Amino acid sequence: MKNTAFDRTLVLIPARMASTRLPGKPLADIAGLPMIVQVAKRAEEAQIGRIIVAVDHQDVFDAVSAAGFDVVMTRADHQSGSDRIFEAVQKADPEAKMEYIVNVQGDLPTIEPEAVRASLRPLQDDPATDIATLTVEITDEHEKTNPNVVKVVGSPLSPTRLKALYFTRATAPHGNGPLYHHIGLYAYRRAALEKFVSLGPSALEKRESLEQLRALEASMRIDVEIVDSVPLGVDTPADLEKARVILSSRAS
């Protein structure tokens, strides 16, 4: 069943060919399809809005188009993923009719459609929320001290939602209680995305290398939906093999 906001939602999937650890990543074959097409299929299964893939290379454009998905070409020199997304929004929705913009990273070929749906709920539930994202409670002790695992510090709004106060690579907050692993999938109100990309990089954003801190430093509200599992991000050849095993098993 389609979400009630379907006609007001754009699901944008950025795909960049430049990858030092996995060259040509968007076109890597997974279960017979390019990875970027597998991501688009997961987003389509979520049934929350129109799917558009934002690319910076003609080969990726052609592969996405051949699979039947809408695709727009963007500049290759954007400083951040949100800048690429906003360029794609301007091209796909020049009359600003869309209310919600969901940014699904192009290297999440095994993401569960329910996680994509979950990212939109905070925006629909509270008009004061500017940006929504996802998190998972950390159960692996190693992750709690791993600086590559970004943690969300937030005030509980409900058993499944936090109001974000901070994002950090450090182990935080201190003391007893759960720690949360941030998942970099975002949903924006269109006006919030426009405001966000108009801001220059902030002090804490540069210090932690976390773009979302720019929004918090500008007093924008980010709510965080708690989901069950961290999706597999494909950054290395080993990750790619894991994704192939997962999707091949689903297809069999």
Protein backbone atom coordinates (compact mmCIF):
# COMPACT_ATOMS: atom_id res chain seq x y z
CA MET A 1 0.00 0.00 0.00
CA LYS A 2 1.33 3.40 -0.97
CA ASN A 3 2.15 5.99 1.66
CA THR A 4 -0.39 8.84 1.86
CA ALA A 5 2.42 11.30 1.04
CA PHE A 6 3.45 9.37 -2.10
CA ASP A 7 2.61 12.17 -4.55
CA ARG A 8 4.51 14.73 -2.44
CA THR A 9 7.70 12.68 -1.95
CA LEU A 10 10.86 12.35 -4.02
CA VAL A 11 13.22 9.49 -3.22
CA LEU A 12 16.63 10.51 -4.52
CA ILE A 13 19.54 8.09 -4.85
CA PRO A 14 22.97 9.66 -5.50
CA ALA A 15 25.52 7.59 -7.43
CA ARG A 16 29.15 8.65 -7.84
CA MET A 17 31.60 6.79 -10.06
CA ALA A 18 34.63 8.08 -8.14
CA SER A 19 35.48 5.56 -5.42
CA THR A 20 39.00 4.88 -4.27
CA ARG A 21 38.21 1.57 -2.56
CA LEU A 22 35.79 0.21 -5.15
CA PRO A 23 36.20 1.82 -8.59
CA GLY A 24 33.03 1.89 -10.70
CA LYS A 25 30.96 1.00 -7.66
CA PRO A 26 27.50 1.97 -8.99
CA LEU A 27 27.85 -0.46 -11.90
CA ALA A 28 29.18 -3.41 -9.87
CA ASP A 29 27.12 -6.49 -10.68
CA ILE A 30 24.96 -7.85 -7.86
CA ALA A 31 22.64 -10.74 -8.68
CA GLY A 32 22.58 -9.80 -12.35
CA LEU A 33 21.96 -6.06 -11.97
CA PRO A 34 24.15 -3.00 -11.38
CA MET A 35 24.31 -2.08 -7.70
CA ILE A 36 22.63 1.28 -8.27
CA VAL A 37 19.66 -0.48 -9.90
CA GLN A 38 19.38 -2.84 -6.91
CA VAL A 39 19.23 0.20 -4.62
CA ALA A 40 16.53 1.76 -6.78
CA LYS A 41 14.53 -1.46 -6.59
CA ARG A 42 14.70 -1.47 -2.78
CA ALA A 43 13.53 2.15 -2.73
CA GLU A 44 10.72 1.31 -5.16
CA GLU A 45 9.59 -1.53 -2.89
CA ALA A 46 9.19 0.99 -0.06
CA GLN A 47 6.41 2.68 -2.07
CA ILE A 48 6.78 6.12 -0.50
CA GLY A 49 7.36 8.30 -3.57
CA ARG A 50 8.81 8.85 -7.01
CA ILE A 51 12.30 7.37 -7.45
CA ILE A 52 15.03 9.45 -9.11
CA VAL A 53 18.70 8.48 -9.38
CA ALA A 54 21.21 11.35 -9.45
CA VAL A 55 24.37 10.42 -11.39
CA ASP A 56 27.58 12.05 -12.55
CA HIS A 57 28.62 9.64 -15.33
CA GLN A 58 27.01 8.72 -18.64
CA ASP A 59 27.50 4.96 -18.18
CA VAL A 60 25.55 5.05 -14.92
CA PHE A 61 22.88 7.24 -16.52
CA ASP A 62 22.45 4.69 -19.31
CA ALA A 63 22.30 1.70 -16.94
CA VAL A 64 19.66 3.31 -14.72
CA SER A 65 17.60 4.47 -17.68
CA ALA A 66 17.74 1.00 -19.25
CA ALA A 67 16.33 -0.44 -16.01
CA GLY A 68 13.32 1.87 -16.30
CA PHE A 69 14.07 4.35 -13.51
CA ASP A 70 14.08 8.13 -13.76
CA VAL A 71 17.59 9.55 -13.74
CA VAL A 72 19.15 13.02 -13.80
CA MET A 73 22.73 14.04 -14.56
CA THR A 74 24.44 16.18 -11.93
CA ARG A 75 27.78 17.91 -11.70
CA ALA A 76 30.76 15.79 -10.69
CA ASP A 77 32.37 18.44 -8.46
CA HIS A 78 29.85 18.71 -5.60
CA GLN A 79 31.41 19.01 -2.14
CA SER A 80 28.73 16.91 -0.45
CA GLY A 81 25.97 14.43 -1.13
CA SER A 82 23.33 16.92 -0.01
CA ASP A 83 24.53 19.41 -2.64
CA ARG A 84 24.15 16.73 -5.32
CA ILE A 85 20.71 15.86 -4.02
CA PHE A 86 19.59 19.49 -4.10
CA GLU A 87 20.75 19.92 -7.69
CA ALA A 88 18.74 16.82 -8.60
CA VAL A 89 15.69 18.17 -6.75
CA GLN A 90 15.86 21.43 -8.66
CA LYS A 91 15.97 19.54 -11.95
CA ALA A 92 13.29 17.00 -11.08
CA ASP A 93 10.94 19.39 -9.25
CA PRO A 94 11.52 22.88 -10.67
CA GLU A 95 8.10 24.09 -9.53
CA ALA A 96 8.76 22.98 -5.91
CA LYS A 97 5.66 20.82 -5.68
CA MET A 98 7.32 18.11 -3.59
CA GLU A 99 7.14 18.39 0.20
CA TYR A 100 9.49 15.58 1.25
CA ILE A 101 12.91 14.57 -0.10
CA VAL A 102 14.29 11.18 0.97
CA ASN A 103 18.01 10.60 0.34
CA VAL A 104 18.86 6.90 0.03
CA GLN A 105 22.59 6.33 -0.40
CA GLY A 106 23.51 4.55 -3.63
CA ASP A 107 25.64 1.91 -1.91
CA LEU A 108 22.86 0.24 0.13
CA PRO A 109 21.68 -2.54 -2.23
CA THR A 110 20.30 -4.75 0.56
CA ILE A 111 18.46 -2.09 2.57
CA GLU A 112 15.06 -3.20 3.79
CA PRO A 113 12.16 -1.22 2.27
CA GLU A 114 10.74 -0.80 5.79
CA ALA A 115 13.84 1.21 6.77
CA VAL A 116 13.24 3.57 3.86
CA ARG A 117 9.62 3.98 4.96
CA ALA A 118 10.68 4.59 8.56
CA SER A 119 12.80 7.58 7.56
CA LEU A 120 9.73 9.55 6.52
CA ARG A 121 7.63 9.02 9.65
CA PRO A 122 9.10 11.77 11.89
CA LEU A 123 8.38 14.41 9.23
CA GLN A 124 4.80 13.24 8.85
CA ASP A 125 4.23 13.02 12.60
CA ASP A 126 5.57 16.43 13.68
CA PRO A 127 5.55 19.59 11.53
CA ALA A 128 8.34 21.04 13.71
CA THR A 129 10.81 18.41 12.45
CA ASP A 130 13.10 19.65 9.66
CA ILE A 131 15.12 16.51 8.96
CA ALA A 132 14.65 12.84 9.84
CA THR A 133 17.15 10.01 9.91
CA LEU A 134 17.63 6.50 11.30
CA THR A 135 19.52 4.74 14.05
CA VAL A 136 20.03 1.29 15.58
CA GLU A 137 20.84 0.49 19.20
CA ILE A 138 24.44 -0.73 19.48
CA THR A 139 24.82 -4.30 20.73
CA ASP A 140 28.46 -4.90 19.69
CA GLU A 141 30.82 -3.59 22.39
CA HIS A 142 33.50 -2.84 19.79
CA GLU A 143 31.17 -0.45 17.97
CA LYS A 144 30.76 1.67 21.10
CA THR A 145 34.39 2.82 20.91
CA ASN A 146 34.88 2.64 17.13
CA PRO A 147 35.27 6.18 15.67
CA ASN A 148 34.02 4.89 12.30
CA VAL A 149 30.65 4.20 13.93
CA VAL A 150 28.80 7.51 14.28
CA LYS A 151 26.72 7.76 17.44
CA VAL A 152 23.49 9.67 17.93
CA VAL A 153 22.96 11.47 21.22
CA GLY A 154 19.29 12.24 21.63
CA SER A 155 16.36 12.77 23.95
CA PRO A 156 13.72 10.02 23.76
CA LEU A 157 10.45 11.12 22.20
CA SER A 158 8.92 7.64 22.19
CA PRO A 159 10.16 4.02 22.38
CA THR A 160 11.10 4.25 18.68
CA ARG A 161 12.22 7.86 18.27
CA LEU A 162 14.82 10.34 19.49
CA LYS A 163 15.21 14.08 19.12
CA ALA A 164 18.84 14.49 18.05
CA LEU A 165 21.02 16.65 20.27
CA TYR A 166 24.40 15.69 18.79
CA PHE A 167 26.20 13.27 16.48
CA THR A 168 29.72 12.15 17.29
CA ARG A 169 32.44 9.62 16.52
CA ALA A 170 33.25 9.46 20.22
CA THR A 171 31.63 7.09 22.72
CA ALA A 172 28.63 9.06 23.91
CA PRO A 173 26.70 9.74 25.99
CA HIS A 174 28.61 8.78 29.13
CA GLY A 175 27.00 6.59 31.78
CA ASN A 176 24.57 3.70 31.81
CA GLY A 177 22.06 3.31 29.02
CA PRO A 178 21.86 2.49 25.34
CA LEU A 179 24.16 3.88 22.64
CA TYR A 180 22.89 4.37 19.10
CA HIS A 181 24.59 3.76 15.74
CA HIS A 182 23.55 6.40 13.20
CA ILE A 183 22.44 5.28 9.73
CA GLY A 184 23.14 7.87 7.04
CA LEU A 185 19.74 7.86 5.36
CA TYR A 186 17.93 11.20 5.53
CA ALA A 187 14.48 12.62 4.83
CA TYR A 188 14.14 16.39 4.48
CA ARG A 189 11.34 18.85 4.16
CA ARG A 190 12.09 20.54 0.86
CA ALA A 191 12.51 23.94 2.54
CA ALA A 192 14.86 22.40 5.11
CA LEU A 193 17.06 20.90 2.40
CA GLU A 194 17.24 24.26 0.65
CA LYS A 195 18.21 25.97 3.91
CA PHE A 196 20.76 23.29 4.74
CA VAL A 197 22.67 23.54 1.45
CA SER A 198 22.68 27.35 1.70
CA LEU A 199 24.65 27.17 4.95
CA GLY A 200 28.42 27.00 4.91
CA PRO A 201 30.19 24.10 6.65
CA SER A 202 30.01 24.61 10.41
CA ALA A 203 32.75 24.41 13.02
CA LEU A 204 31.62 21.12 14.56
CA GLU A 205 30.84 19.64 11.16
CA LYS A 206 34.45 20.21 10.12
CA ARG A 207 35.83 18.99 13.44
CA GLU A 208 33.85 15.71 13.49
CA SER A 209 33.60 15.32 9.70
CA LEU A 210 29.84 14.92 10.09
CA GLU A 211 27.69 17.01 7.76
CA GLN A 212 24.53 16.67 9.85
CA LEU A 213 26.07 18.78 12.62
CA ARG A 214 25.68 21.78 10.31
CA ALA A 215 21.92 21.47 10.71
CA LEU A 216 22.04 21.21 14.49
CA GLU A 217 24.37 24.19 14.77
CA ALA A 218 21.85 26.17 12.71
CA SER A 219 19.08 25.22 15.19
CA MET A 220 17.38 22.88 12.74
CA ARG A 221 15.53 19.96 14.30
CA ILE A 222 16.53 16.38 13.46
CA ASP A 223 14.38 13.49 14.69
CA VAL A 224 15.73 9.96 14.58
CA GLU A 225 13.68 6.81 14.04
CA ILE A 226 15.02 3.67 15.74
CA VAL A 227 15.06 0.62 13.45
CA ASP A 228 16.16 -2.98 13.89
CA SER A 229 19.35 -3.34 11.85
CA VAL A 230 22.14 -1.43 10.14
CA PRO A 231 22.00 -1.88 6.34
CA LEU A 232 25.10 -3.16 4.59
CA GLY A 233 27.01 -0.31 2.99
CA VAL A 234 29.16 -1.47 0.07
CA ASP A 235 32.54 0.25 0.29
CA THR A 236 35.02 -2.57 -0.36
CA PRO A 237 35.28 -5.73 -2.49
CA ALA A 238 34.48 -7.76 0.64
CA ASP A 239 31.28 -5.76 1.17
CA LEU A 240 30.36 -6.35 -2.45
CA GLU A 241 30.67 -10.11 -2.02
CA LYS A 242 28.46 -9.99 1.08
CA ALA A 243 25.80 -8.08 -0.86
CA ARG A 244 25.96 -10.61 -3.69
CA VAL A 245 25.39 -13.46 -1.26
CA ILE A 246 22.46 -11.68 0.43
CA LEU A 247 20.62 -10.76 -2.76
CA SER A 248 21.34 -14.06 -4.48
CA SER A 249 19.82 -15.89 -1.51
CA ARG A 250 16.74 -13.64 -1.63
CA ALA A 251 16.28 -14.38 -5.32
CA SER A 252 16.57 -18.15 -4.91
